[in-house]
Amino acid sequence: MKRFALVLLLAGCSKPPEAEPLAFQTLGAFEYKDKMKLPDDVARWNGKRVTATGFMNPTSQARSLTSFLLVKDRSSCCFGKRPQINHYIEVKLKPGATADYSNDPVAIRGVLMVDDRWDGDWQLGLYWIDAAEVVK
């Protein structure tokens, strides 16, 4: 009986924390200037498990995607203007997972990293989710 209780306790410890809903308005409600300190209400999301809903912007093919940009609306998706740096999340799916492009909104779950990444003078992005899963 003690062994069974220990197994139940250990199984409960491995459950990931609940994901907080994250709205793009939260991430993009400020005017971004190069290499600025991000607002505290944005920086507080760093390292949090979130669920974000938006539109897929594939960076290469349309099928068997392993990564894509999650954008706030269709106008910044595939046919409109390039989204502002604080209006998208770069998503990399869990190893082995793929997704096909969809015109419909999708929900992504994973740990959000708020990190102003640069490659020399070229800005790579502000928001990242690695090992993400498509939940909708």
C-alpha atoms as a PDB file:
ATOM      1  CA  MET A   1       0.000   0.000   0.000  1.00  0.00           C
ATOM      2  CA  LYS A   2       2.842   2.412   0.829  1.00  0.00           C
ATOM      3  CA  ARG A   3       4.463   1.657  -2.531  1.00  0.00           C
ATOM      4  CA  PHE A   4       1.171   2.441  -4.345  1.00  0.00           C
ATOM      5  CA  ALA A   5       0.844   5.755  -2.481  1.00  0.00           C
ATOM      6  CA  LEU A   6       4.436   6.644  -3.423  1.00  0.00           C
ATOM      7  CA  VAL A   7       3.723   5.894  -7.103  1.00  0.00           C
ATOM      8  CA  LEU A   8       0.622   8.127  -6.983  1.00  0.00           C
ATOM      9  CA  LEU A   9       2.607  10.902  -5.314  1.00  0.00           C
ATOM     10  CA  LEU A  10       5.401  10.717  -7.885  1.00  0.00           C
ATOM     11  CA  ALA A  11       2.927  10.621 -10.764  1.00  0.00           C
ATOM     12  CA  GLY A  12       1.305  13.800  -9.441  1.00  0.00           C
ATOM     13  CA  CYS A  13       4.681  15.551  -9.304  1.00  0.00           C
ATOM     14  CA  SER A  14       5.341  15.030 -13.004  1.00  0.00           C
ATOM     15  CA  LYS A  15       2.211  16.866 -14.142  1.00  0.00           C
ATOM     16  CA  PRO A  16       3.162  20.109 -15.919  1.00  0.00           C
ATOM     17  CA  PRO A  17       1.833  23.335 -14.430  1.00  0.00           C
ATOM     18  CA  GLU A  18      -1.374  24.745 -15.857  1.00  0.00           C
ATOM     19  CA  ALA A  19      -0.914  27.055 -18.819  1.00  0.00           C
ATOM     20  CA  GLU A  20      -1.967  30.685 -18.475  1.00  0.00           C
ATOM     21  CA  PRO A  21      -3.874  32.216 -21.397  1.00  0.00           C
ATOM     22  CA  LEU A  22      -1.727  34.815 -23.138  1.00  0.00           C
ATOM     23  CA  ALA A  23      -3.227  37.498 -25.382  1.00  0.00           C
ATOM     24  CA  PHE A  24      -1.213  39.143 -28.140  1.00  0.00           C
ATOM     25  CA  GLN A  25      -2.458  42.511 -26.857  1.00  0.00           C
ATOM     26  CA  THR A  26      -0.335  41.875 -23.772  1.00  0.00           C
ATOM     27  CA  LEU A  27       2.826  41.336 -25.831  1.00  0.00           C
ATOM     28  CA  GLY A  28       2.269  44.076 -28.384  1.00  0.00           C
ATOM     29  CA  ALA A  29       0.720  46.943 -26.443  1.00  0.00           C
ATOM     30  CA  PHE A  30       3.843  49.103 -26.593  1.00  0.00           C
ATOM     31  CA  GLU A  31       5.967  50.742 -29.263  1.00  0.00           C
ATOM     32  CA  TYR A  32       9.190  48.779 -29.533  1.00  0.00           C
ATOM     33  CA  LYS A  33      12.510  50.584 -29.997  1.00  0.00           C
ATOM     34  CA  ASP A  34      15.728  48.665 -30.784  1.00  0.00           C
ATOM     35  CA  LYS A  35      17.317  47.069 -27.711  1.00  0.00           C
ATOM     36  CA  MET A  36      14.934  48.780 -25.303  1.00  0.00           C
ATOM     37  CA  LYS A  37      14.153  47.372 -21.859  1.00  0.00           C
ATOM     38  CA  LEU A  38      10.854  45.577 -22.247  1.00  0.00           C
ATOM     39  CA  PRO A  39       7.926  46.710 -20.086  1.00  0.00           C
ATOM     40  CA  ASP A  40       7.561  44.853 -16.782  1.00  0.00           C
ATOM     41  CA  ASP A  41       4.090  43.566 -17.711  1.00  0.00           C
ATOM     42  CA  VAL A  42       5.690  41.856 -20.750  1.00  0.00           C
ATOM     43  CA  ALA A  43       8.906  40.680 -19.060  1.00  0.00           C
ATOM     44  CA  ARG A  44       6.881  38.960 -16.316  1.00  0.00           C
ATOM     45  CA  TRP A  45       5.740  36.339 -18.869  1.00  0.00           C
ATOM     46  CA  ASN A  46       9.298  35.044 -19.301  1.00  0.00           C
ATOM     47  CA  GLY A  47       9.472  31.354 -18.314  1.00  0.00           C
ATOM     48  CA  LYS A  48       5.701  30.958 -17.855  1.00  0.00           C
ATOM     49  CA  ARG A  49       3.743  28.079 -19.337  1.00  0.00           C
ATOM     50  CA  VAL A  50       1.177  29.722 -21.627  1.00  0.00           C
ATOM     51  CA  THR A  51      -1.489  29.030 -24.194  1.00  0.00           C
ATOM     52  CA  ALA A  52      -1.445  31.594 -27.004  1.00  0.00           C
ATOM     53  CA  THR A  53      -3.955  31.722 -29.847  1.00  0.00           C
ATOM     54  CA  GLY A  54      -3.169  33.240 -33.216  1.00  0.00           C
ATOM     55  CA  PHE A  55      -2.543  32.474 -36.872  1.00  0.00           C
ATOM     56  CA  MET A  56       0.228  30.395 -38.382  1.00  0.00           C
ATOM     57  CA  ASN A  57       2.754  32.184 -40.551  1.00  0.00           C
ATOM     58  CA  PRO A  58       4.865  29.409 -42.051  1.00  0.00           C
ATOM     59  CA  THR A  59       8.434  30.414 -42.793  1.00  0.00           C
ATOM     60  CA  SER A  60       9.050  27.747 -45.430  1.00  0.00           C
ATOM     61  CA  GLN A  61       6.612  24.990 -46.478  1.00  0.00           C
ATOM     62  CA  ALA A  62       2.917  24.566 -45.645  1.00  0.00           C
ATOM     63  CA  ARG A  63       2.937  20.885 -44.602  1.00  0.00           C
ATOM     64  CA  SER A  64       4.803  19.031 -41.879  1.00  0.00           C
ATOM     65  CA  LEU A  65       5.860  22.256 -40.172  1.00  0.00           C
ATOM     66  CA  THR A  66       8.217  21.945 -37.232  1.00  0.00           C
ATOM     67  CA  SER A  67       8.407  25.704 -36.699  1.00  0.00           C
ATOM     68  CA  PHE A  68       6.436  28.806 -37.678  1.00  0.00           C
ATOM     69  CA  LEU A  69       5.561  32.282 -36.493  1.00  0.00           C
ATOM     70  CA  LEU A  70       2.362  32.666 -34.489  1.00  0.00           C
ATOM     71  CA  VAL A  71       0.901  36.067 -35.379  1.00  0.00           C
ATOM     72  CA  LYS A  72      -1.984  37.985 -33.882  1.00  0.00           C
ATOM     73  CA  ASP A  73      -4.138  38.354 -37.006  1.00  0.00           C
ATOM     74  CA  ARG A  74      -4.443  37.332 -40.635  1.00  0.00           C
ATOM     75  CA  SER A  75      -3.290  40.725 -41.930  1.00  0.00           C
ATOM     76  CA  SER A  76       0.171  39.990 -40.538  1.00  0.00           C
ATOM     77  CA  CYS A  77       0.116  36.407 -41.700  1.00  0.00           C
ATOM     78  CA  CYS A  78       0.826  35.493 -45.264  1.00  0.00           C
ATOM     79  CA  PHE A  79      -0.437  38.222 -47.571  1.00  0.00           C
ATOM     80  CA  GLY A  80      -0.299  41.424 -45.561  1.00  0.00           C
ATOM     81  CA  LYS A  81       2.513  43.485 -44.121  1.00  0.00           C
ATOM     82  CA  ARG A  82       5.308  41.988 -42.063  1.00  0.00           C
ATOM     83  CA  PRO A  83       4.279  41.851 -38.386  1.00  0.00           C
ATOM     84  CA  GLN A  84       5.973  44.145 -35.890  1.00  0.00           C
ATOM     85  CA  ILE A  85       8.656  42.451 -33.803  1.00  0.00           C
ATOM     86  CA  ASN A  86       6.428  42.444 -30.704  1.00  0.00           C
ATOM     87  CA  HIS A  87       3.411  41.050 -32.584  1.00  0.00           C
ATOM     88  CA  TYR A  88       4.590  37.482 -33.159  1.00  0.00           C
ATOM     89  CA  ILE A  89       5.968  34.465 -31.322  1.00  0.00           C
ATOM     90  CA  GLU A  90       8.485  32.133 -32.939  1.00  0.00           C
ATOM     91  CA  VAL A  91       7.215  28.599 -32.323  1.00  0.00           C
ATOM     92  CA  LYS A  92       9.232  25.377 -32.488  1.00  0.00           C
ATOM     93  CA  LEU A  93       7.217  22.230 -31.951  1.00  0.00           C
ATOM     94  CA  LYS A  94       8.248  19.342 -29.700  1.00  0.00           C
ATOM     95  CA  PRO A  95      10.813  17.030 -31.286  1.00  0.00           C
ATOM     96  CA  GLY A  96       9.075  14.694 -33.712  1.00  0.00           C
ATOM     97  CA  ALA A  97       5.869  16.766 -33.805  1.00  0.00           C
ATOM     98  CA  THR A  98       4.608  18.450 -36.966  1.00  0.00           C
ATOM     99  CA  ALA A  99       1.636  20.568 -37.977  1.00  0.00           C
ATOM    100  CA  ASP A 100       0.129  21.546 -41.306  1.00  0.00           C
ATOM    101  CA  TYR A 101      -0.632  25.174 -42.133  1.00  0.00           C
ATOM    102  CA  SER A 102      -4.166  26.251 -41.271  1.00  0.00           C
ATOM    103  CA  ASN A 103      -6.187  29.351 -42.194  1.00  0.00           C
ATOM    104  CA  ASP A 104      -8.007  29.024 -38.886  1.00  0.00           C
ATOM    105  CA  PRO A 105      -6.698  30.290 -35.548  1.00  0.00           C
ATOM    106  CA  VAL A 106      -4.568  27.791 -33.629  1.00  0.00           C
ATOM    107  CA  ALA A 107      -3.734  27.545 -29.948  1.00  0.00           C
ATOM    108  CA  ILE A 108      -0.143  26.816 -28.964  1.00  0.00           C
ATOM    109  CA  ARG A 109       0.944  25.642 -25.516  1.00  0.00           C
ATOM    110  CA  GLY A 110       4.459  25.819 -24.114  1.00  0.00           C
ATOM    111  CA  VAL A 111       6.905  27.856 -22.071  1.00  0.00           C
ATOM    112  CA  LEU A 112       7.277  31.417 -23.339  1.00  0.00           C
ATOM    113  CA  MET A 113      10.738  32.920 -23.424  1.00  0.00           C
ATOM    114  CA  VAL A 114      10.881  36.720 -23.554  1.00  0.00           C
ATOM    115  CA  ASP A 115      14.332  37.359 -24.962  1.00  0.00           C
ATOM    116  CA  ASP A 116      15.449  40.157 -27.308  1.00  0.00           C
ATOM    117  CA  ARG A 117      17.714  38.047 -29.558  1.00  0.00           C
ATOM    118  CA  TRP A 118      20.136  39.530 -32.057  1.00  0.00           C
ATOM    119  CA  ASP A 119      22.637  38.159 -34.543  1.00  0.00           C
ATOM    120  CA  GLY A 120      25.017  41.073 -34.796  1.00  0.00           C
ATOM    121  CA  ASP A 121      22.904  43.953 -36.150  1.00  0.00           C
ATOM    122  CA  TRP A 122      20.044  41.667 -37.262  1.00  0.00           C
ATOM    123  CA  GLN A 123      17.196  41.255 -34.781  1.00  0.00           C
ATOM    124  CA  LEU A 124      15.880  37.701 -34.585  1.00  0.00           C
ATOM    125  CA  GLY A 125      12.842  38.250 -32.366  1.00  0.00           C
ATOM    126  CA  LEU A 126      11.472  38.921 -28.895  1.00  0.00           C
ATOM    127  CA  TYR A 127       9.195  35.976 -28.087  1.00  0.00           C
ATOM    128  CA  TRP A 128       9.922  32.253 -28.374  1.00  0.00           C
ATOM    129  CA  ILE A 129       8.238  28.979 -27.495  1.00  0.00           C
ATOM    130  CA  ASP A 130      10.347  25.836 -27.919  1.00  0.00           C
ATOM    131  CA  ALA A 131       8.965  22.304 -27.518  1.00  0.00           C
ATOM    132  CA  ALA A 132       5.460  23.668 -28.133  1.00  0.00           C
ATOM    133  CA  GLU A 133       2.319  21.705 -28.853  1.00  0.00           C
ATOM    134  CA  VAL A 134      -0.636  22.656 -31.008  1.00  0.00           C
ATOM    135  CA  VAL A 135      -3.720  22.213 -28.819  1.00  0.00           C
ATOM    136  CA  LYS A 136      -6.446  23.520 -31.152  1.00  0.00           C
END
